[in-house]
Amino acid sequence: RTGYYIALGWCCISIVVFMIRTLRLKI
């Protein structure tokens, strides 16, 4: 579970950054 939370936490932050930087150009 420790590895799960670390990996998922990193990916969650990454997807938030990705979505904001991508969608702001569209919206």
mmCIF file of all heavy atoms, coordinates in Angstrom:
data_MODEL
# 
_entry.id   MODEL 
# 
loop_
_atom_site.group_PDB 
_atom_site.id 
_atom_site.type_symbol 
_atom_site.label_atom_id 
_atom_site.label_alt_id 
_atom_site.label_comp_id 
_atom_site.label_asym_id 
_atom_site.label_entity_id 
_atom_site.label_seq_id 
_atom_site.pdbx_PDB_ins_code 
_atom_site.Cartn_x 
_atom_site.Cartn_y 
_atom_site.Cartn_z 
_atom_site.occupancy 
_atom_site.B_iso_or_equiv 
_atom_site.pdbx_formal_charge 
_atom_site.auth_seq_id 
_atom_site.auth_comp_id 
_atom_site.auth_asym_id 
_atom_site.auth_atom_id 
_atom_site.pdbx_PDB_model_num 
ATOM 1   N N   . ARG A 1 1  ? 0.813   -1.215 0.000   1.00 0.00 ? 1  ARG A N   1 
ATOM 2   C CA  . ARG A 1 1  ? 0.000   0.000  0.000   1.00 0.00 ? 1  ARG A CA  1 
ATOM 3   C C   . ARG A 1 1  ? 0.849   1.269  0.000   1.00 0.00 ? 1  ARG A C   1 
ATOM 4   O O   . ARG A 1 1  ? 0.444   2.292  -0.544  1.00 0.00 ? 1  ARG A O   1 
ATOM 5   C CB  . ARG A 1 1  ? -0.950  0.001  1.203   1.00 0.00 ? 1  ARG A CB  1 
ATOM 6   C CG  . ARG A 1 1  ? -2.030  -1.073 1.118   1.00 0.00 ? 1  ARG A CG  1 
ATOM 7   C CD  . ARG A 1 1  ? -3.180  -0.783 2.057   1.00 0.00 ? 1  ARG A CD  1 
ATOM 8   N NE  . ARG A 1 1  ? -3.944  0.378  1.641   1.00 0.00 ? 1  ARG A NE  1 
ATOM 9   C CZ  . ARG A 1 1  ? -4.929  0.353  0.740   1.00 0.00 ? 1  ARG A CZ  1 
ATOM 10  N NH1 . ARG A 1 1  ? -5.242  -0.785 0.132   1.00 0.00 ? 1  ARG A NH1 1 
ATOM 11  N NH2 . ARG A 1 1  ? -5.600  1.447  0.450   1.00 0.00 ? 1  ARG A NH2 1 
ATOM 12  N N   . THR A 1 2  ? 2.022   1.201  0.646   1.00 0.00 ? 2  THR A N   1 
ATOM 13  C CA  . THR A 1 2  ? 2.900   2.377  0.626   1.00 0.00 ? 2  THR A CA  1 
ATOM 14  C C   . THR A 1 2  ? 3.311   2.718  -0.793  1.00 0.00 ? 2  THR A C   1 
ATOM 15  O O   . THR A 1 2  ? 3.259   3.885  -1.214  1.00 0.00 ? 2  THR A O   1 
ATOM 16  C CB  . THR A 1 2  ? 4.146   2.137  1.486   1.00 0.00 ? 2  THR A CB  1 
ATOM 17  O OG1 . THR A 1 2  ? 3.761   1.855  2.832   1.00 0.00 ? 2  THR A OG1 1 
ATOM 18  C CG2 . THR A 1 2  ? 5.054   3.354  1.475   1.00 0.00 ? 2  THR A CG2 1 
ATOM 19  N N   . GLY A 1 3  ? 3.722   1.715  -1.558  1.00 0.00 ? 3  GLY A N   1 
ATOM 20  C CA  . GLY A 1 3  ? 4.077   1.939  -2.955  1.00 0.00 ? 3  GLY A CA  1 
ATOM 21  C C   . GLY A 1 3  ? 2.901   2.425  -3.761  1.00 0.00 ? 3  GLY A C   1 
ATOM 22  O O   . GLY A 1 3  ? 3.057   3.276  -4.660  1.00 0.00 ? 3  GLY A O   1 
ATOM 23  N N   . TYR A 1 4  ? 1.714   1.907  -3.453  1.00 0.00 ? 4  TYR A N   1 
ATOM 24  C CA  . TYR A 1 4  ? 0.502   2.330  -4.156  1.00 0.00 ? 4  TYR A CA  1 
ATOM 25  C C   . TYR A 1 4  ? 0.246   3.816  -3.945  1.00 0.00 ? 4  TYR A C   1 
ATOM 26  O O   . TYR A 1 4  ? 0.006   4.559  -4.908  1.00 0.00 ? 4  TYR A O   1 
ATOM 27  C CB  . TYR A 1 4  ? -0.689  1.514  -3.661  1.00 0.00 ? 4  TYR A CB  1 
ATOM 28  C CG  . TYR A 1 4  ? -2.039  2.104  -3.990  1.00 0.00 ? 4  TYR A CG  1 
ATOM 29  C CD1 . TYR A 1 4  ? -2.562  2.025  -5.281  1.00 0.00 ? 4  TYR A CD1 1 
ATOM 30  C CD2 . TYR A 1 4  ? -2.795  2.753  -3.007  1.00 0.00 ? 4  TYR A CD2 1 
ATOM 31  C CE1 . TYR A 1 4  ? -3.806  2.573  -5.581  1.00 0.00 ? 4  TYR A CE1 1 
ATOM 32  C CE2 . TYR A 1 4  ? -4.031  3.296  -3.293  1.00 0.00 ? 4  TYR A CE2 1 
ATOM 33  C CZ  . TYR A 1 4  ? -4.534  3.213  -4.576  1.00 0.00 ? 4  TYR A CZ  1 
ATOM 34  O OH  . TYR A 1 4  ? -5.760  3.758  -4.871  1.00 0.00 ? 4  TYR A OH  1 
ATOM 35  N N   . TYR A 1 5  ? 0.307   4.255  -2.703  1.00 0.00 ? 5  TYR A N   1 
ATOM 36  C CA  . TYR A 1 5  ? 0.011   5.656  -2.409  1.00 0.00 ? 5  TYR A CA  1 
ATOM 37  C C   . TYR A 1 5  ? 1.060   6.597  -3.003  1.00 0.00 ? 5  TYR A C   1 
ATOM 38  O O   . TYR A 1 5  ? 0.727   7.675  -3.490  1.00 0.00 ? 5  TYR A O   1 
ATOM 39  C CB  . TYR A 1 5  ? -0.098  5.876  -0.902  1.00 0.00 ? 5  TYR A CB  1 
ATOM 40  C CG  . TYR A 1 5  ? -1.397  5.380  -0.317  1.00 0.00 ? 5  TYR A CG  1 
ATOM 41  C CD1 . TYR A 1 5  ? -1.417  4.360  0.626   1.00 0.00 ? 5  TYR A CD1 1 
ATOM 42  C CD2 . TYR A 1 5  ? -2.610  5.938  -0.716  1.00 0.00 ? 5  TYR A CD2 1 
ATOM 43  C CE1 . TYR A 1 5  ? -2.613  3.904  1.167   1.00 0.00 ? 5  TYR A CE1 1 
ATOM 44  C CE2 . TYR A 1 5  ? -3.820  5.495  -0.188  1.00 0.00 ? 5  TYR A CE2 1 
ATOM 45  C CZ  . TYR A 1 5  ? -3.808  4.478  0.752   1.00 0.00 ? 5  TYR A CZ  1 
ATOM 46  O OH  . TYR A 1 5  ? -4.998  4.034  1.269   1.00 0.00 ? 5  TYR A OH  1 
ATOM 47  N N   . ILE A 1 6  ? 2.317   6.195  -2.965  1.00 0.00 ? 6  ILE A N   1 
ATOM 48  C CA  . ILE A 1 6  ? 3.373   7.040  -3.527  1.00 0.00 ? 6  ILE A CA  1 
ATOM 49  C C   . ILE A 1 6  ? 3.207   7.159  -5.047  1.00 0.00 ? 6  ILE A C   1 
ATOM 50  O O   . ILE A 1 6  ? 3.235   8.261  -5.607  1.00 0.00 ? 6  ILE A O   1 
ATOM 51  C CB  . ILE A 1 6  ? 4.762   6.482  -3.178  1.00 0.00 ? 6  ILE A CB  1 
ATOM 52  C CG1 . ILE A 1 6  ? 5.018   6.588  -1.672  1.00 0.00 ? 6  ILE A CG1 1 
ATOM 53  C CG2 . ILE A 1 6  ? 5.853   7.225  -3.957  1.00 0.00 ? 6  ILE A CG2 1 
ATOM 54  C CD1 . ILE A 1 6  ? 6.316   5.951  -1.224  1.00 0.00 ? 6  ILE A CD1 1 
ATOM 55  N N   . ALA A 1 7  ? 3.046   6.017  -5.715  1.00 0.00 ? 7  ALA A N   1 
ATOM 56  C CA  . ALA A 1 7  ? 2.919   6.025  -7.177  1.00 0.00 ? 7  ALA A CA  1 
ATOM 57  C C   . ALA A 1 7  ? 1.641   6.727  -7.620  1.00 0.00 ? 7  ALA A C   1 
ATOM 58  O O   . ALA A 1 7  ? 1.653   7.543  -8.559  1.00 0.00 ? 7  ALA A O   1 
ATOM 59  C CB  . ALA A 1 7  ? 2.954   4.598  -7.713  1.00 0.00 ? 7  ALA A CB  1 
ATOM 60  N N   . LEU A 1 8  ? 0.527   6.418  -6.951  1.00 0.00 ? 8  LEU A N   1 
ATOM 61  C CA  . LEU A 1 8  ? -0.734  7.036  -7.336  1.00 0.00 ? 8  LEU A CA  1 
ATOM 62  C C   . LEU A 1 8  ? -0.701  8.534  -7.055  1.00 0.00 ? 8  LEU A C   1 
ATOM 63  O O   . LEU A 1 8  ? -1.224  9.332  -7.847  1.00 0.00 ? 8  LEU A O   1 
ATOM 64  C CB  . LEU A 1 8  ? -1.901  6.391  -6.596  1.00 0.00 ? 8  LEU A CB  1 
ATOM 65  C CG  . LEU A 1 8  ? -3.290  6.838  -7.082  1.00 0.00 ? 8  LEU A CG  1 
ATOM 66  C CD1 . LEU A 1 8  ? -3.575  6.264  -8.462  1.00 0.00 ? 8  LEU A CD1 1 
ATOM 67  C CD2 . LEU A 1 8  ? -4.386  6.412  -6.110  1.00 0.00 ? 8  LEU A CD2 1 
ATOM 68  N N   . GLY A 1 9  ? -0.088  8.918  -5.927  1.00 0.00 ? 9  GLY A N   1 
ATOM 69  C CA  . GLY A 1 9  ? 0.015   10.342 -5.608  1.00 0.00 ? 9  GLY A CA  1 
ATOM 70  C C   . GLY A 1 9  ? 0.783   11.103 -6.676  1.00 0.00 ? 9  GLY A C   1 
ATOM 71  O O   . GLY A 1 9  ? 0.374   12.195 -7.101  1.00 0.00 ? 9  GLY A O   1 
ATOM 72  N N   . TRP A 1 10 ? 1.896   10.524 -7.130  1.00 0.00 ? 10 TRP A N   1 
ATOM 73  C CA  . TRP A 1 10 ? 2.682   11.160 -8.196  1.00 0.00 ? 10 TRP A CA  1 
ATOM 74  C C   . TRP A 1 10 ? 1.856   11.277 -9.471  1.00 0.00 ? 10 TRP A C   1 
ATOM 75  O O   . TRP A 1 10 ? 1.839   12.326 -10.117 1.00 0.00 ? 10 TRP A O   1 
ATOM 76  C CB  . TRP A 1 10 ? 3.954   10.352 -8.458  1.00 0.00 ? 10 TRP A CB  1 
ATOM 77  C CG  . TRP A 1 10 ? 4.759   10.883 -9.605  1.00 0.00 ? 10 TRP A CG  1 
ATOM 78  C CD1 . TRP A 1 10 ? 4.596   10.598 -10.943 1.00 0.00 ? 10 TRP A CD1 1 
ATOM 79  C CD2 . TRP A 1 10 ? 5.814   11.836 -9.540  1.00 0.00 ? 10 TRP A CD2 1 
ATOM 80  N NE1 . TRP A 1 10 ? 5.499   11.289 -11.709 1.00 0.00 ? 10 TRP A NE1 1 
ATOM 81  C CE2 . TRP A 1 10 ? 6.268   12.059 -10.871 1.00 0.00 ? 10 TRP A CE2 1 
ATOM 82  C CE3 . TRP A 1 10 ? 6.454   12.502 -8.483  1.00 0.00 ? 10 TRP A CE3 1 
ATOM 83  C CZ2 . TRP A 1 10 ? 7.308   12.933 -11.170 1.00 0.00 ? 10 TRP A CZ2 1 
ATOM 84  C CZ3 . TRP A 1 10 ? 7.493   13.371 -8.786  1.00 0.00 ? 10 TRP A CZ3 1 
ATOM 85  C CH2 . TRP A 1 10 ? 7.904   13.571 -10.108 1.00 0.00 ? 10 TRP A CH2 1 
ATOM 86  N N   . CYS A 1 11 ? 1.172   10.194 -9.830  1.00 0.00 ? 11 CYS A N   1 
ATOM 87  C CA  . CYS A 1 11 ? 0.381   10.190 -11.068 1.00 0.00 ? 11 CYS A CA  1 
ATOM 88  C C   . CYS A 1 11 ? -0.812  11.140 -10.970 1.00 0.00 ? 11 CYS A C   1 
ATOM 89  O O   . CYS A 1 11 ? -1.217  11.726 -11.975 1.00 0.00 ? 11 CYS A O   1 
ATOM 90  C CB  . CYS A 1 11 ? -0.091  8.773  -11.388 1.00 0.00 ? 11 CYS A CB  1 
ATOM 91  S SG  . CYS A 1 11 ? 1.244   7.646  -11.852 1.00 0.00 ? 11 CYS A SG  1 
ATOM 92  N N   . CYS A 1 12 ? -1.373  11.291 -9.777  1.00 0.00 ? 12 CYS A N   1 
ATOM 93  C CA  . CYS A 1 12 ? -2.486  12.218 -9.604  1.00 0.00 ? 12 CYS A CA  1 
ATOM 94  C C   . CYS A 1 12 ? -2.034  13.656 -9.837  1.00 0.00 ? 12 CYS A C   1 
ATOM 95  O O   . CYS A 1 12 ? -2.702  14.432 -10.523 1.00 0.00 ? 12 CYS A O   1 
ATOM 96  C CB  . CYS A 1 12 ? -3.070  12.076 -8.197  1.00 0.00 ? 12 CYS A CB  1 
ATOM 97  S SG  . CYS A 1 12 ? -4.075  10.597 -7.952  1.00 0.00 ? 12 CYS A SG  1 
ATOM 98  N N   . ILE A 1 13 ? -0.893  14.009 -9.259  1.00 0.00 ? 13 ILE A N   1 
ATOM 99  C CA  . ILE A 1 13 ? -0.358  15.354 -9.469  1.00 0.00 ? 13 ILE A CA  1 
ATOM 100 C C   . ILE A 1 13 ? -0.029  15.566 -10.947 1.00 0.00 ? 13 ILE A C   1 
ATOM 101 O O   . ILE A 1 13 ? -0.309  16.629 -11.524 1.00 0.00 ? 13 ILE A O   1 
ATOM 102 C CB  . ILE A 1 13 ? 0.895   15.579 -8.603  1.00 0.00 ? 13 ILE A CB  1 
ATOM 103 C CG1 . ILE A 1 13 ? 0.525   15.506 -7.122  1.00 0.00 ? 13 ILE A CG1 1 
ATOM 104 C CG2 . ILE A 1 13 ? 1.536   16.923 -8.925  1.00 0.00 ? 13 ILE A CG2 1 
ATOM 105 C CD1 . ILE A 1 13 ? 1.718   15.563 -6.193  1.00 0.00 ? 13 ILE A CD1 1 
ATOM 106 N N   . SER A 1 14 ? 0.540   14.542 -11.569 1.00 0.00 ? 14 SER A N   1 
ATOM 107 C CA  . SER A 1 14 ? 0.918   14.655 -12.977 1.00 0.00 ? 14 SER A CA  1 
ATOM 108 C C   . SER A 1 14 ? -0.293  14.854 -13.869 1.00 0.00 ? 14 SER A C   1 
ATOM 109 O O   . SER A 1 14 ? -0.269  15.691 -14.789 1.00 0.00 ? 14 SER A O   1 
ATOM 110 C CB  . SER A 1 14 ? 1.687   13.393 -13.407 1.00 0.00 ? 14 SER A CB  1 
ATOM 111 O OG  . SER A 1 14 ? 2.897   13.263 -12.691 1.00 0.00 ? 14 SER A OG  1 
ATOM 112 N N   . ILE A 1 15 ? -1.378  14.116 -13.615 1.00 0.00 ? 15 ILE A N   1 
ATOM 113 C CA  . ILE A 1 15 ? -2.553  14.236 -14.476 1.00 0.00 ? 15 ILE A CA  1 
ATOM 114 C C   . ILE A 1 15 ? -3.230  15.582 -14.274 1.00 0.00 ? 15 ILE A C   1 
ATOM 115 O O   . ILE A 1 15 ? -3.793  16.158 -15.218 1.00 0.00 ? 15 ILE A O   1 
ATOM 116 C CB  . ILE A 1 15 ? -3.556  13.076 -14.246 1.00 0.00 ? 15 ILE A CB  1 
ATOM 117 C CG1 . ILE A 1 15 ? -4.549  12.973 -15.409 1.00 0.00 ? 15 ILE A CG1 1 
ATOM 118 C CG2 . ILE A 1 15 ? -4.289  13.255 -12.926 1.00 0.00 ? 15 ILE A CG2 1 
ATOM 119 C CD1 . ILE A 1 15 ? -3.942  12.590 -16.711 1.00 0.00 ? 15 ILE A CD1 1 
ATOM 120 N N   . VAL A 1 16 ? -3.175  16.121 -13.055 1.00 0.00 ? 16 VAL A N   1 
ATOM 121 C CA  . VAL A 1 16 ? -3.739  17.455 -12.812 1.00 0.00 ? 16 VAL A CA  1 
ATOM 122 C C   . VAL A 1 16 ? -2.969  18.500 -13.606 1.00 0.00 ? 16 VAL A C   1 
ATOM 123 O O   . VAL A 1 16 ? -3.556  19.364 -14.274 1.00 0.00 ? 16 VAL A O   1 
ATOM 124 C CB  . VAL A 1 16 ? -3.717  17.788 -11.301 1.00 0.00 ? 16 VAL A CB  1 
ATOM 125 C CG1 . VAL A 1 16 ? -4.018  19.269 -11.080 1.00 0.00 ? 16 VAL A CG1 1 
ATOM 126 C CG2 . VAL A 1 16 ? -4.729  16.942 -10.547 1.00 0.00 ? 16 VAL A CG2 1 
ATOM 127 N N   . VAL A 1 17 ? -1.635  18.434 -13.556 1.00 0.00 ? 17 VAL A N   1 
ATOM 128 C CA  . VAL A 1 17 ? -0.805  19.370 -14.322 1.00 0.00 ? 17 VAL A CA  1 
ATOM 129 C C   . VAL A 1 17 ? -1.069  19.218 -15.813 1.00 0.00 ? 17 VAL A C   1 
ATOM 130 O O   . VAL A 1 17 ? -1.235  20.204 -16.551 1.00 0.00 ? 17 VAL A O   1 
ATOM 131 C CB  . VAL A 1 17 ? 0.691   19.140 -14.013 1.00 0.00 ? 17 VAL A CB  1 
ATOM 132 C CG1 . VAL A 1 17 ? 1.565   19.988 -14.937 1.00 0.00 ? 17 VAL A CG1 1 
ATOM 133 C CG2 . VAL A 1 17 ? 0.991   19.461 -12.553 1.00 0.00 ? 17 VAL A CG2 1 
ATOM 134 N N   . PHE A 1 18 ? -1.130  17.971 -16.274 1.00 0.00 ? 18 PHE A N   1 
ATOM 135 C CA  . PHE A 1 18 ? -1.368  17.700 -17.700 1.00 0.00 ? 18 PHE A CA  1 
ATOM 136 C C   . PHE A 1 18 ? -2.709  18.273 -18.151 1.00 0.00 ? 18 PHE A C   1 
ATOM 137 O O   . PHE A 1 18 ? -2.797  18.934 -19.192 1.00 0.00 ? 18 PHE A O   1 
ATOM 138 C CB  . PHE A 1 18 ? -1.330  16.192 -17.948 1.00 0.00 ? 18 PHE A CB  1 
ATOM 139 C CG  . PHE A 1 18 ? -1.736  15.796 -19.343 1.00 0.00 ? 18 PHE A CG  1 
ATOM 140 C CD1 . PHE A 1 18 ? -0.815  15.807 -20.383 1.00 0.00 ? 18 PHE A CD1 1 
ATOM 141 C CD2 . PHE A 1 18 ? -3.040  15.410 -19.616 1.00 0.00 ? 18 PHE A CD2 1 
ATOM 142 C CE1 . PHE A 1 18 ? -1.191  15.455 -21.670 1.00 0.00 ? 18 PHE A CE1 1 
ATOM 143 C CE2 . PHE A 1 18 ? -3.427  15.051 -20.890 1.00 0.00 ? 18 PHE A CE2 1 
ATOM 144 C CZ  . PHE A 1 18 ? -2.496  15.070 -21.925 1.00 0.00 ? 18 PHE A CZ  1 
ATOM 145 N N   . MET A 1 19 ? -3.761  18.034 -17.369 1.00 0.00 ? 19 MET A N   1 
ATOM 146 C CA  . MET A 1 19 ? -5.098  18.484 -17.765 1.00 0.00 ? 19 MET A CA  1 
ATOM 147 C C   . MET A 1 19 ? -5.202  20.003 -17.758 1.00 0.00 ? 19 MET A C   1 
ATOM 148 O O   . MET A 1 19 ? -5.792  20.598 -18.674 1.00 0.00 ? 19 MET A O   1 
ATOM 149 C CB  . MET A 1 19 ? -6.134  17.877 -16.818 1.00 0.00 ? 19 MET A CB  1 
ATOM 150 C CG  . MET A 1 19 ? -6.250  16.358 -16.913 1.00 0.00 ? 19 MET A CG  1 
ATOM 151 S SD  . MET A 1 19 ? -6.970  15.782 -18.469 1.00 0.00 ? 19 MET A SD  1 
ATOM 152 C CE  . MET A 1 19 ? -8.711  16.000 -18.122 1.00 0.00 ? 19 MET A CE  1 
ATOM 153 N N   . ILE A 1 20 ? -4.642  20.646 -16.752 1.00 0.00 ? 20 ILE A N   1 
ATOM 154 C CA  . ILE A 1 20 ? -4.720  22.105 -16.689 1.00 0.00 ? 20 ILE A CA  1 
ATOM 155 C C   . ILE A 1 20 ? -3.997  22.733 -17.863 1.00 0.00 ? 20 ILE A C   1 
ATOM 156 O O   . ILE A 1 20 ? -4.526  23.621 -18.540 1.00 0.00 ? 20 ILE A O   1 
ATOM 157 C CB  . ILE A 1 20 ? -4.142  22.619 -15.358 1.00 0.00 ? 20 ILE A CB  1 
ATOM 158 C CG1 . ILE A 1 20 ? -5.078  22.262 -14.193 1.00 0.00 ? 20 ILE A CG1 1 
ATOM 159 C CG2 . ILE A 1 20 ? -3.940  24.142 -15.406 1.00 0.00 ? 20 ILE A CG2 1 
ATOM 160 C CD1 . ILE A 1 20 ? -4.563  22.675 -12.836 1.00 0.00 ? 20 ILE A CD1 1 
ATOM 161 N N   . ARG A 1 21 ? -2.773  22.263 -18.131 1.00 0.00 ? 21 ARG A N   1 
ATOM 162 C CA  . ARG A 1 21 ? -1.980  22.869 -19.204 1.00 0.00 ? 21 ARG A CA  1 
ATOM 163 C C   . ARG A 1 21 ? -2.559  22.560 -20.582 1.00 0.00 ? 21 ARG A C   1 
ATOM 164 O O   . ARG A 1 21 ? -2.370  23.338 -21.523 1.00 0.00 ? 21 ARG A O   1 
ATOM 165 C CB  . ARG A 1 21 ? -0.538  22.389 -19.107 1.00 0.00 ? 21 ARG A CB  1 
ATOM 166 C CG  . ARG A 1 21 ? 0.174   22.910 -17.864 1.00 0.00 ? 21 ARG A CG  1 
ATOM 167 C CD  . ARG A 1 21 ? 1.622   22.502 -17.834 1.00 0.00 ? 21 ARG A CD  1 
ATOM 168 N NE  . ARG A 1 21 ? 2.311   23.083 -16.692 1.00 0.00 ? 21 ARG A NE  1 
ATOM 169 C CZ  . ARG A 1 21 ? 3.595   22.862 -16.404 1.00 0.00 ? 21 ARG A CZ  1 
ATOM 170 N NH1 . ARG A 1 21 ? 4.330   22.067 -17.187 1.00 0.00 ? 21 ARG A NH1 1 
ATOM 171 N NH2 . ARG A 1 21 ? 4.144   23.427 -15.348 1.00 0.00 ? 21 ARG A NH2 1 
ATOM 172 N N   . THR A 1 22 ? -3.244  21.436 -20.704 1.00 0.00 ? 22 THR A N   1 
ATOM 173 C CA  . THR A 1 22 ? -3.833  21.085 -21.997 1.00 0.00 ? 22 THR A CA  1 
ATOM 174 C C   . THR A 1 22 ? -5.172  21.767 -22.214 1.00 0.00 ? 22 THR A C   1 
ATOM 175 O O   . THR A 1 22 ? -5.404  22.397 -23.255 1.00 0.00 ? 22 THR A O   1 
ATOM 176 C CB  . THR A 1 22 ? -4.019  19.563 -22.105 1.00 0.00 ? 22 THR A CB  1 
ATOM 177 O OG1 . THR A 1 22 ? -2.755  18.910 -21.975 1.00 0.00 ? 22 THR A OG1 1 
ATOM 178 C CG2 . THR A 1 22 ? -4.627  19.191 -23.451 1.00 0.00 ? 22 THR A CG2 1 
ATOM 179 N N   . LEU A 1 23 ? -6.057  21.676 -21.229 1.00 0.00 ? 23 LEU A N   1 
ATOM 180 C CA  . LEU A 1 23 ? -7.421  22.159 -21.406 1.00 0.00 ? 23 LEU A CA  1 
ATOM 181 C C   . LEU A 1 23 ? -7.536  23.670 -21.359 1.00 0.00 ? 23 LEU A C   1 
ATOM 182 O O   . LEU A 1 23 ? -8.465  24.237 -21.944 1.00 0.00 ? 23 LEU A O   1 
ATOM 183 C CB  . LEU A 1 23 ? -8.334  21.541 -20.344 1.00 0.00 ? 23 LEU A CB  1 
ATOM 184 C CG  . LEU A 1 23 ? -8.564  20.036 -20.455 1.00 0.00 ? 23 LEU A CG  1 
ATOM 185 C CD1 . LEU A 1 23 ? -9.490  19.557 -19.347 1.00 0.00 ? 23 LEU A CD1 1 
ATOM 186 C CD2 . LEU A 1 23 ? -9.152  19.681 -21.813 1.00 0.00 ? 23 LEU A CD2 1 
ATOM 187 N N   . ARG A 1 24 ? -6.618  24.339 -20.662 1.00 0.00 ? 24 ARG A N   1 
ATOM 188 C CA  . ARG A 1 24 ? -6.731  25.796 -20.595 1.00 0.00 ? 24 ARG A CA  1 
ATOM 189 C C   . ARG A 1 24 ? -6.578  26.421 -21.979 1.00 0.00 ? 24 ARG A C   1 
ATOM 190 O O   . ARG A 1 24 ? -7.169  27.480 -22.261 1.00 0.00 ? 24 ARG A O   1 
ATOM 191 C CB  . ARG A 1 24 ? -5.699  26.372 -19.633 1.00 0.00 ? 24 ARG A CB  1 
ATOM 192 C CG  . ARG A 1 24 ? -4.262  26.286 -20.103 1.00 0.00 ? 24 ARG A CG  1 
ATOM 193 C CD  . ARG A 1 24 ? -3.307  26.790 -19.038 1.00 0.00 ? 24 ARG A CD  1 
ATOM 194 N NE  . ARG A 1 24 ? -1.919  26.666 -19.477 1.00 0.00 ? 24 ARG A NE  1 
ATOM 195 C CZ  . ARG A 1 24 ? -1.262  27.598 -20.164 1.00 0.00 ? 24 ARG A CZ  1 
ATOM 196 N NH1 . ARG A 1 24 ? -1.890  28.713 -20.490 1.00 0.00 ? 24 ARG A NH1 1 
ATOM 197 N NH2 . ARG A 1 24 ? -0.014  27.425 -20.531 1.00 0.00 ? 24 ARG A NH2 1 
ATOM 198 N N   . LEU A 1 25 ? -5.821  25.777 -22.857 1.00 0.00 ? 25 LEU A N   1 
ATOM 199 C CA  . LEU A 1 25 ? -5.677  26.287 -24.217 1.00 0.00 ? 25 LEU A CA  1 
ATOM 200 C C   . LEU A 1 25 ? -6.954  26.089 -25.020 1.00 0.00 ? 25 LEU A C   1 
ATOM 201 O O   . LEU A 1 25 ? -7.223  26.829 -25.970 1.00 0.00 ? 25 LEU A O   1 
ATOM 202 C CB  . LEU A 1 25 ? -4.518  25.595 -24.926 1.00 0.00 ? 25 LEU A CB  1 
ATOM 203 C CG  . LEU A 1 25 ? -3.126  25.822 -24.323 1.00 0.00 ? 25 LEU A CG  1 
ATOM 204 C CD1 . LEU A 1 25 ? -2.088  24.997 -25.069 1.00 0.00 ? 25 LEU A CD1 1 
ATOM 205 C CD2 . LEU A 1 25 ? -2.761  27.301 -24.365 1.00 0.00 ? 25 LEU A CD2 1 
ATOM 206 N N   . LYS A 1 26 ? -7.732  25.089 -24.648 1.00 0.00 ? 26 LYS A N   1 
ATOM 207 C CA  . LYS A 1 26 ? -8.978  24.803 -25.355 1.00 0.00 ? 26 LYS A CA  1 
ATOM 208 C C   . LYS A 1 26 ? -10.147 25.609 -24.777 1.00 0.00 ? 26 LYS A C   1 
ATOM 209 O O   . LYS A 1 26 ? -10.916 26.233 -25.514 1.00 0.00 ? 26 LYS A O   1 
ATOM 210 C CB  . LYS A 1 26 ? -9.298  23.310 -25.246 1.00 0.00 ? 26 LYS A CB  1 
ATOM 211 C CG  . LYS A 1 26 ? -8.269  22.395 -25.890 1.00 0.00 ? 26 LYS A CG  1 
ATOM 212 C CD  . LYS A 1 26 ? -8.308  22.494 -27.397 1.00 0.00 ? 26 LYS A CD  1 
ATOM 213 C CE  . LYS A 1 26 ? -7.407  21.471 -28.049 1.00 0.00 ? 26 LYS A CE  1 
ATOM 214 N NZ  . LYS A 1 26 ? -7.462  21.546 -29.526 1.00 0.00 ? 26 LYS A NZ  1 
ATOM 215 N N   . ILE A 1 27 ? -10.274 25.595 -23.453 1.00 0.00 ? 27 ILE A N   1 
ATOM 216 C CA  . ILE A 1 27 ? -11.416 26.236 -22.813 1.00 0.00 ? 27 ILE A CA  1 
ATOM 217 C C   . ILE A 1 27 ? -11.281 27.754 -22.809 1.00 0.00 ? 27 ILE A C   1 
ATOM 218 O O   . ILE A 1 27 ? -12.271 28.482 -22.878 1.00 0.00 ? 27 ILE A O   1 
ATOM 219 C CB  . ILE A 1 27 ? -11.582 25.703 -21.369 1.00 0.00 ? 27 ILE A CB  1 
ATOM 220 C CG1 . ILE A 1 27 ? -11.930 24.204 -21.418 1.00 0.00 ? 27 ILE A CG1 1 
ATOM 221 C CG2 . ILE A 1 27 ? -12.656 26.462 -20.612 1.00 0.00 ? 27 ILE A CG2 1 
ATOM 222 C CD1 . ILE A 1 27 ? -12.092 23.563 -20.062 1.00 0.00 ? 27 ILE A CD1 1 
# 
